[in-house]
Amino acid sequence: MLQIPFSFVLSAFSFKMYIIKVKGVAKIPDYVQLRDDQFTLLAYFRVDRPDKSLDKVGLGNKTEQIMNIIKDLPFGQILKLEL
């Protein structure tokens, strides 16, 4: 069976995903979840450290764009994003 890297799939097609910003409590920092259109978790990272997680799912070239959206997103709100 042929396996296609996930990052290739992301770059080849328009991709819908959901962004959720989760508020941390006490010593637990704020996190961001990226989910696909089936609501499967794609990435989970600290708001201040997105680089490795976004690179792993093939969105490293869109880090600045995604972080600008996350910066203005209220905690707990789900935002649908098409890249």
PDB file of N, CA and C in Angstrom:
ATOM      1  N   MET A   1       0.836  -1.171   0.000  1.00  0.00           N
ATOM      2  CA  MET A   1       0.000   0.000   0.000  1.00  0.00           C
ATOM      3  C   MET A   1       0.887   1.244   0.000  1.00  0.00           C
ATOM      4  N   LEU A   2       0.561   2.196  -0.838  1.00  0.00           N
ATOM      5  CA  LEU A   2       1.306   3.444  -0.939  1.00  0.00           C
ATOM      6  C   LEU A   2       0.904   4.389   0.175  1.00  0.00           C
ATOM      7  N   GLN A   3       1.894   4.901   0.890  1.00  0.00           N
ATOM      8  CA  GLN A   3       1.614   5.865   1.948  1.00  0.00           C
ATOM      9  C   GLN A   3       2.110   7.227   1.505  1.00  0.00           C
ATOM     10  N   ILE A   4       1.231   8.203   1.559  1.00  0.00           N
ATOM     11  CA  ILE A   4       1.565   9.563   1.161  1.00  0.00           C
ATOM     12  C   ILE A   4       1.761  10.390   2.421  1.00  0.00           C
ATOM     13  N   PRO A   5       2.895  11.099   2.528  1.00  0.00           N
ATOM     14  CA  PRO A   5       3.115  11.931   3.717  1.00  0.00           C
ATOM     15  C   PRO A   5       2.007  12.955   3.889  1.00  0.00           C
ATOM     16  N   PHE A   6       1.612  13.175   5.146  1.00  0.00           N
ATOM     17  CA  PHE A   6       0.529  14.103   5.444  1.00  0.00           C
ATOM     18  C   PHE A   6       0.848  15.513   4.958  1.00  0.00           C
ATOM     19  N   SER A   7       2.105  15.926   5.070  1.00  0.00           N
ATOM     20  CA  SER A   7       2.482  17.272   4.634  1.00  0.00           C
ATOM     21  C   SER A   7       2.270  17.447   3.132  1.00  0.00           C
ATOM     22  N   PHE A   8       2.453  16.379   2.356  1.00  0.00           N
ATOM     23  CA  PHE A   8       2.206  16.448   0.916  1.00  0.00           C
ATOM     24  C   PHE A   8       0.724  16.652   0.650  1.00  0.00           C
ATOM     25  N   VAL A   9      -0.113  15.959   1.385  1.00  0.00           N
ATOM     26  CA  VAL A   9      -1.560  16.102   1.217  1.00  0.00           C
ATOM     27  C   VAL A   9      -1.980  17.533   1.512  1.00  0.00           C
ATOM     28  N   LEU A  10      -1.425  18.130   2.568  1.00  0.00           N
ATOM     29  CA  LEU A  10      -1.770  19.500   2.924  1.00  0.00           C
ATOM     30  C   LEU A  10      -1.369  20.476   1.830  1.00  0.00           C
ATOM     31  N   SER A  11      -0.204  20.274   1.235  1.00  0.00           N
ATOM     32  CA  SER A  11       0.260  21.223   0.238  1.00  0.00           C
ATOM     33  C   SER A  11      -0.434  21.041  -1.102  1.00  0.00           C
ATOM     34  N   ALA A  12      -0.999  19.875  -1.363  1.00  0.00           N
ATOM     35  CA  ALA A  12      -1.594  19.593  -2.656  1.00  0.00           C
ATOM     36  C   ALA A  12      -3.056  20.044  -2.756  1.00  0.00           C
ATOM     37  N   PHE A  13      -3.718  20.213  -1.647  1.00  0.00           N
ATOM     38  CA  PHE A  13      -5.142  20.518  -1.658  1.00  0.00           C
ATOM     39  C   PHE A  13      -5.459  21.693  -0.738  1.00  0.00           C
ATOM     40  N   SER A  14      -6.605  22.313  -0.998  1.00  0.00           N
ATOM     41  CA  SER A  14      -7.113  23.295  -0.043  1.00  0.00           C
ATOM     42  C   SER A  14      -7.512  22.521   1.208  1.00  0.00           C
ATOM     43  N   PHE A  15      -7.174  23.053   2.352  1.00  0.00           N
ATOM     44  CA  PHE A  15      -7.348  22.299   3.578  1.00  0.00           C
ATOM     45  C   PHE A  15      -8.206  23.074   4.563  1.00  0.00           C
ATOM     46  N   LYS A  16      -9.240  22.411   5.090  1.00  0.00           N
ATOM     47  CA  LYS A  16     -10.095  23.009   6.112  1.00  0.00           C
ATOM     48  C   LYS A  16      -9.640  22.499   7.463  1.00  0.00           C
ATOM     49  N   MET A  17      -9.566  23.408   8.418  1.00  0.00           N
ATOM     50  CA  MET A  17      -9.245  22.981   9.771  1.00  0.00           C
ATOM     51  C   MET A  17      -9.899  23.913  10.772  1.00  0.00           C
ATOM     52  N   TYR A  18      -9.898  23.471  11.997  1.00  0.00           N
ATOM     53  CA  TYR A  18     -10.477  24.239  13.085  1.00  0.00           C
ATOM     54  C   TYR A  18      -9.378  24.561  14.088  1.00  0.00           C
ATOM     55  N   ILE A  19      -9.421  25.773  14.620  1.00  0.00           N
ATOM     56  CA  ILE A  19      -8.464  26.218  15.618  1.00  0.00           C
ATOM     57  C   ILE A  19      -9.226  26.465  16.917  1.00  0.00           C
ATOM     58  N   ILE A  20      -8.692  25.931  18.003  1.00  0.00           N
ATOM     59  CA  ILE A  20      -9.274  26.132  19.331  1.00  0.00           C
ATOM     60  C   ILE A  20      -8.147  26.589  20.255  1.00  0.00           C
ATOM     61  N   LYS A  21      -8.352  27.693  20.932  1.00  0.00           N
ATOM     62  CA  LYS A  21      -7.364  28.193  21.893  1.00  0.00           C
ATOM     63  C   LYS A  21      -7.871  27.859  23.289  1.00  0.00           C
ATOM     64  N   VAL A  22      -7.053  27.125  24.048  1.00  0.00           N
ATOM     65  CA  VAL A  22      -7.430  26.618  25.362  1.00  0.00           C
ATOM     66  C   VAL A  22      -6.667  27.384  26.440  1.00  0.00           C
ATOM     67  N   LYS A  23      -7.396  27.938  27.388  1.00  0.00           N
ATOM     68  CA  LYS A  23      -6.798  28.711  28.487  1.00  0.00           C
ATOM     69  C   LYS A  23      -6.204  27.773  29.522  1.00  0.00           C
ATOM     70  N   GLY A  24      -4.935  27.994  29.851  1.00  0.00           N
ATOM     71  CA  GLY A  24      -4.287  27.215  30.891  1.00  0.00           C
ATOM     72  C   GLY A  24      -4.691  27.710  32.270  1.00  0.00           C
ATOM     73  N   VAL A  25      -4.421  26.909  33.280  1.00  0.00           N
ATOM     74  CA  VAL A  25      -4.698  27.300  34.658  1.00  0.00           C
ATOM     75  C   VAL A  25      -3.446  27.058  35.498  1.00  0.00           C
ATOM     76  N   ALA A  26      -3.225  27.911  36.471  1.00  0.00           N
ATOM     77  CA  ALA A  26      -2.079  27.818  37.385  1.00  0.00           C
ATOM     78  C   ALA A  26      -0.777  27.644  36.600  1.00  0.00           C
ATOM     79  N   LYS A  27      -0.119  26.500  36.744  1.00  0.00           N
ATOM     80  CA  LYS A  27       1.165  26.276  36.070  1.00  0.00           C
ATOM     81  C   LYS A  27       1.018  25.685  34.670  1.00  0.00           C
ATOM     82  N   ILE A  28      -0.181  25.374  34.257  1.00  0.00           N
ATOM     83  CA  ILE A  28      -0.417  24.821  32.913  1.00  0.00           C
ATOM     84  C   ILE A  28      -0.578  25.990  31.941  1.00  0.00           C
ATOM     85  N   PRO A  29       0.253  26.039  30.881  1.00  0.00           N
ATOM     86  CA  PRO A  29       0.199  27.172  29.946  1.00  0.00           C
ATOM     87  C   PRO A  29      -0.992  27.093  28.989  1.00  0.00           C
ATOM     88  N   ASP A  30      -1.212  28.174  28.252  1.00  0.00           N
ATOM     89  CA  ASP A  30      -2.252  28.205  27.220  1.00  0.00           C
ATOM     90  C   ASP A  30      -1.819  27.326  26.049  1.00  0.00           C
ATOM     91  N   TYR A  31      -2.779  26.615  25.471  1.00  0.00           N
ATOM     92  CA  TYR A  31      -2.502  25.725  24.356  1.00  0.00           C
ATOM     93  C   TYR A  31      -3.424  26.026  23.184  1.00  0.00           C
ATOM     94  N   VAL A  32      -3.035  25.521  22.014  1.00  0.00           N
ATOM     95  CA  VAL A  32      -3.833  25.629  20.795  1.00  0.00           C
ATOM     96  C   VAL A  32      -4.017  24.225  20.240  1.00  0.00           C
ATOM     97  N   GLN A  33      -5.234  23.939  19.793  1.00  0.00           N
ATOM     98  CA  GLN A  33      -5.518  22.683  19.105  1.00  0.00           C
ATOM     99  C   GLN A  33      -5.840  23.002  17.658  1.00  0.00           C
ATOM    100  N   LEU A  34      -5.278  22.235  16.735  1.00  0.00           N
ATOM    101  CA  LEU A  34      -5.650  22.296  15.325  1.00  0.00           C
ATOM    102  C   LEU A  34      -6.316  20.979  14.985  1.00  0.00           C
ATOM    103  N   ARG A  35      -7.508  21.061  14.437  1.00  0.00           N
ATOM    104  CA  ARG A  35      -8.270  19.849  14.099  1.00  0.00           C
ATOM    105  C   ARG A  35      -8.723  19.901  12.647  1.00  0.00           C
ATOM    106  N   ASP A  36      -8.833  18.737  12.023  1.00  0.00           N
ATOM    107  CA  ASP A  36      -9.265  18.689  10.628  1.00  0.00           C
ATOM    108  C   ASP A  36     -10.785  18.736  10.532  1.00  0.00           C
ATOM    109  N   ASP A  37     -11.319  18.594   9.319  1.00  0.00           N
ATOM    110  CA  ASP A  37     -12.764  18.693   9.123  1.00  0.00           C
ATOM    111  C   ASP A  37     -13.531  17.519   9.731  1.00  0.00           C
ATOM    112  N   GLN A  38     -12.843  16.429  10.075  1.00  0.00           N
ATOM    113  CA  GLN A  38     -13.450  15.307  10.803  1.00  0.00           C
ATOM    114  C   GLN A  38     -13.297  15.503  12.315  1.00  0.00           C
ATOM    115  N   PHE A  39     -12.690  16.615  12.709  1.00  0.00           N
ATOM    116  CA  PHE A  39     -12.391  17.031  14.075  1.00  0.00           C
ATOM    117  C   PHE A  39     -11.350  16.132  14.747  1.00  0.00           C
ATOM    118  N   THR A  40     -10.489  15.523  13.929  1.00  0.00           N
ATOM    119  CA  THR A  40      -9.363  14.749  14.431  1.00  0.00           C
ATOM    120  C   THR A  40      -8.241  15.710  14.799  1.00  0.00           C
ATOM    121  N   LEU A  41      -7.605  15.481  15.918  1.00  0.00           N
ATOM    122  CA  LEU A  41      -6.526  16.349  16.376  1.00  0.00           C
ATOM    123  C   LEU A  41      -5.324  16.231  15.442  1.00  0.00           C
ATOM    124  N   LEU A  42      -4.899  17.369  14.877  1.00  0.00           N
ATOM    125  CA  LEU A  42      -3.727  17.416  14.003  1.00  0.00           C
ATOM    126  C   LEU A  42      -2.495  17.888  14.763  1.00  0.00           C
ATOM    127  N   ALA A  43      -2.675  18.910  15.584  1.00  0.00           N
ATOM    128  CA  ALA A  43      -1.556  19.473  16.333  1.00  0.00           C
ATOM    129  C   ALA A  43      -2.073  20.052  17.644  1.00  0.00           C
ATOM    130  N   TYR A  44      -1.209  20.008  18.645  1.00  0.00           N
ATOM    131  CA  TYR A  44      -1.518  20.519  19.971  1.00  0.00           C
ATOM    132  C   TYR A  44      -0.234  21.147  20.470  1.00  0.00           C
ATOM    133  N   PHE A  45      -0.233  22.459  20.669  1.00  0.00           N
ATOM    134  CA  PHE A  45       1.011  23.124  21.026  1.00  0.00           C
ATOM    135  C   PHE A  45       0.759  24.322  21.929  1.00  0.00           C
ATOM    136  N   ARG A  46       1.811  24.711  22.649  1.00  0.00           N
ATOM    137  CA  ARG A  46       1.743  25.906  23.476  1.00  0.00           C
ATOM    138  C   ARG A  46       1.664  27.129  22.574  1.00  0.00           C
ATOM    139  N   VAL A  47       0.942  28.125  23.007  1.00  0.00           N
ATOM    140  CA  VAL A  47       0.770  29.341  22.213  1.00  0.00           C
ATOM    141  C   VAL A  47       2.125  29.980  21.905  1.00  0.00           C
ATOM    142  N   ASP A  48       3.061  29.893  22.837  1.00  0.00           N
ATOM    143  CA  ASP A  48       4.360  30.530  22.632  1.00  0.00           C
ATOM    144  C   ASP A  48       5.392  29.644  21.930  1.00  0.00           C
ATOM    145  N   ARG A  49       5.026  28.400  21.553  1.00  0.00           N
ATOM    146  CA  ARG A  49       5.966  27.481  20.889  1.00  0.00           C
ATOM    147  C   ARG A  49       5.289  26.666  19.780  1.00  0.00           C
ATOM    148  N   PRO A  50       4.876  27.293  18.693  1.00  0.00           N
ATOM    149  CA  PRO A  50       4.151  26.574  17.650  1.00  0.00           C
ATOM    150  C   PRO A  50       5.026  25.883  16.609  1.00  0.00           C
ATOM    151  N   ASP A  51       6.304  26.223  16.531  1.00  0.00           N
ATOM    152  CA  ASP A  51       7.131  25.867  15.381  1.00  0.00           C
ATOM    153  C   ASP A  51       7.188  24.378  15.039  1.00  0.00           C
ATOM    154  N   LYS A  52       7.612  23.537  15.962  1.00  0.00           N
ATOM    155  CA  LYS A  52       7.783  22.116  15.660  1.00  0.00           C
ATOM    156  C   LYS A  52       6.460  21.439  15.312  1.00  0.00           C
ATOM    157  N   SER A  53       5.416  21.759  16.031  1.00  0.00           N
ATOM    158  CA  SER A  53       4.113  21.127  15.788  1.00  0.00           C
ATOM    159  C   SER A  53       3.567  21.485  14.411  1.00  0.00           C
ATOM    160  N   LEU A  54       3.682  22.750  14.029  1.00  0.00           N
ATOM    161  CA  LEU A  54       3.186  23.157  12.716  1.00  0.00           C
ATOM    162  C   LEU A  54       4.047  22.566  11.602  1.00  0.00           C
ATOM    163  N   ASP A  55       5.351  22.439  11.821  1.00  0.00           N
ATOM    164  CA  ASP A  55       6.222  21.805  10.832  1.00  0.00           C
ATOM    165  C   ASP A  55       5.841  20.341  10.623  1.00  0.00           C
ATOM    166  N   LYS A  56       5.517  19.640  11.705  1.00  0.00           N
ATOM    167  CA  LYS A  56       5.180  18.213  11.624  1.00  0.00           C
ATOM    168  C   LYS A  56       3.944  17.957  10.762  1.00  0.00           C
ATOM    169  N   VAL A  57       2.988  18.882  10.769  1.00  0.00           N
ATOM    170  CA  VAL A  57       1.766  18.682   9.980  1.00  0.00           C
ATOM    171  C   VAL A  57       1.819  19.421   8.648  1.00  0.00           C
ATOM    172  N   GLY A  58       2.999  19.950   8.302  1.00  0.00           N
ATOM    173  CA  GLY A  58       3.170  20.574   6.997  1.00  0.00           C
ATOM    174  C   GLY A  58       2.695  22.014   6.913  1.00  0.00           C
ATOM    175  N   LEU A  59       2.534  22.676   8.042  1.00  0.00           N
ATOM    176  CA  LEU A  59       2.060  24.058   8.049  1.00  0.00           C
ATOM    177  C   LEU A  59       3.140  25.042   8.500  1.00  0.00           C
ATOM    178  N   GLY A  60       4.383  24.621   8.460  1.00  0.00           N
ATOM    179  CA  GLY A  60       5.483  25.469   8.891  1.00  0.00           C
ATOM    180  C   GLY A  60       5.586  26.763   8.112  1.00  0.00           C
ATOM    181  N   ASN A  61       5.217  26.720   6.835  1.00  0.00           N
ATOM    182  CA  ASN A  61       5.275  27.930   6.004  1.00  0.00           C
ATOM    183  C   ASN A  61       4.120  28.883   6.287  1.00  0.00           C
ATOM    184  N   LYS A  62       3.140  28.475   7.067  1.00  0.00           N
ATOM    185  CA  LYS A  62       1.991  29.311   7.401  1.00  0.00           C
ATOM    186  C   LYS A  62       1.967  29.682   8.886  1.00  0.00           C
ATOM    187  N   THR A  63       3.092  29.510   9.560  1.00  0.00           N
ATOM    188  CA  THR A  63       3.161  29.773  11.002  1.00  0.00           C
ATOM    189  C   THR A  63       2.748  31.199  11.349  1.00  0.00           C
ATOM    190  N   GLU A  64       3.297  32.168  10.642  1.00  0.00           N
ATOM    191  CA  GLU A  64       2.995  33.569  10.947  1.00  0.00           C
ATOM    192  C   GLU A  64       1.507  33.870  10.754  1.00  0.00           C
ATOM    193  N   GLN A  65       0.934  33.377   9.662  1.00  0.00           N
ATOM    194  CA  GLN A  65      -0.491  33.591   9.374  1.00  0.00           C
ATOM    195  C   GLN A  65      -1.364  32.959  10.466  1.00  0.00           C
ATOM    196  N   ILE A  66      -1.054  31.736  10.840  1.00  0.00           N
ATOM    197  CA  ILE A  66      -1.840  31.034  11.857  1.00  0.00           C
ATOM    198  C   ILE A  66      -1.696  31.712  13.216  1.00  0.00           C
ATOM    199  N   MET A  67      -0.490  32.131  13.568  1.00  0.00           N
ATOM    200  CA  MET A  67      -0.277  32.766  14.878  1.00  0.00           C
ATOM    201  C   MET A  67      -0.957  34.129  14.964  1.00  0.00           C
ATOM    202  N   ASN A  68      -1.059  34.846  13.871  1.00  0.00           N
ATOM    203  CA  ASN A  68      -1.801  36.116  13.883  1.00  0.00           C
ATOM    204  C   ASN A  68      -3.283  35.880  14.154  1.00  0.00           C
ATOM    205  N   ILE A  69      -3.810  34.812  13.605  1.00  0.00           N
ATOM    206  CA  ILE A  69      -5.216  34.461  13.846  1.00  0.00           C
ATOM    207  C   ILE A  69      -5.406  34.038  15.307  1.00  0.00           C
ATOM    208  N   ILE A  70      -4.490  33.224  15.810  1.00  0.00           N
ATOM    209  CA  ILE A  70      -4.578  32.728  17.183  1.00  0.00           C
ATOM    210  C   ILE A  70      -4.481  33.877  18.188  1.00  0.00           C
ATOM    211  N   LYS A  71      -3.629  34.849  17.894  1.00  0.00           N
ATOM    212  CA  LYS A  71      -3.429  35.986  18.806  1.00  0.00           C
ATOM    213  C   LYS A  71      -4.748  36.703  19.094  1.00  0.00           C
ATOM    214  N   ASP A  72      -5.603  36.840  18.082  1.00  0.00           N
ATOM    215  CA  ASP A  72      -6.866  37.565  18.238  1.00  0.00           C
ATOM    216  C   ASP A  72      -8.045  36.670  18.612  1.00  0.00           C
ATOM    217  N   LEU A  73      -7.836  35.368  18.637  1.00  0.00           N
ATOM    218  CA  LEU A  73      -8.918  34.423  18.916  1.00  0.00           C
ATOM    219  C   LEU A  73      -9.178  34.347  20.428  1.00  0.00           C
ATOM    220  N   PRO A  74     -10.433  34.529  20.854  1.00  0.00           N
ATOM    221  CA  PRO A  74     -10.756  34.382  22.286  1.00  0.00           C
ATOM    222  C   PRO A  74     -10.602  32.922  22.733  1.00  0.00           C
ATOM    223  N   PHE A  75     -10.294  32.734  24.001  1.00  0.00           N
ATOM    224  CA  PHE A  75     -10.173  31.377  24.543  1.00  0.00           C
ATOM    225  C   PHE A  75     -11.508  30.654  24.454  1.00  0.00           C
ATOM    226  N   GLY A  76     -11.450  29.370  24.099  1.00  0.00           N
ATOM    227  CA  GLY A  76     -12.636  28.529  24.056  1.00  0.00           C
ATOM    228  C   GLY A  76     -13.447  28.626  22.782  1.00  0.00           C
ATOM    229  N   GLN A  77     -13.161  29.549  21.920  1.00  0.00           N
ATOM    230  CA  GLN A  77     -13.911  29.698  20.678  1.00  0.00           C
ATOM    231  C   GLN A  77     -13.300  28.803  19.599  1.00  0.00           C
ATOM    232  N   ILE A  78     -14.153  28.208  18.766  1.00  0.00           N
ATOM    233  CA  ILE A  78     -13.700  27.388  17.647  1.00  0.00           C
ATOM    234  C   ILE A  78     -13.797  28.220  16.375  1.00  0.00           C
ATOM    235  N   LEU A  79     -12.706  28.263  15.619  1.00  0.00           N
ATOM    236  CA  LEU A  79     -12.661  29.036  14.386  1.00  0.00           C
ATOM    237  C   LEU A  79     -12.376  28.109  13.230  1.00  0.00           C
ATOM    238  N   LYS A  80     -13.215  28.138  12.207  1.00  0.00           N
ATOM    239  CA  LYS A  80     -12.992  27.349  11.006  1.00  0.00           C
ATOM    240  C   LYS A  80     -12.075  28.142  10.084  1.00  0.00           C
ATOM    241  N   LEU A  81     -11.039  27.488   9.595  1.00  0.00           N
ATOM    242  CA  LEU A  81     -10.040  28.132   8.766  1.00  0.00           C
ATOM    243  C   LEU A  81      -9.793  27.291   7.525  1.00  0.00           C
ATOM    244  N   GLU A  82      -9.764  27.952   6.379  1.00  0.00           N
ATOM    245  CA  GLU A  82      -9.442  27.241   5.132  1.00  0.00           C
ATOM    246  C   GLU A  82      -8.116  27.761   4.606  1.00  0.00           C
ATOM    247  N   LEU A  83      -7.173  26.853   4.448  1.00  0.00           N
ATOM    248  CA  LEU A  83      -5.852  27.208   3.930  1.00  0.00           C
ATOM    249  C   LEU A  83      -5.656  26.617   2.547  1.00  0.00           C
TER     250      LEU A  83
END
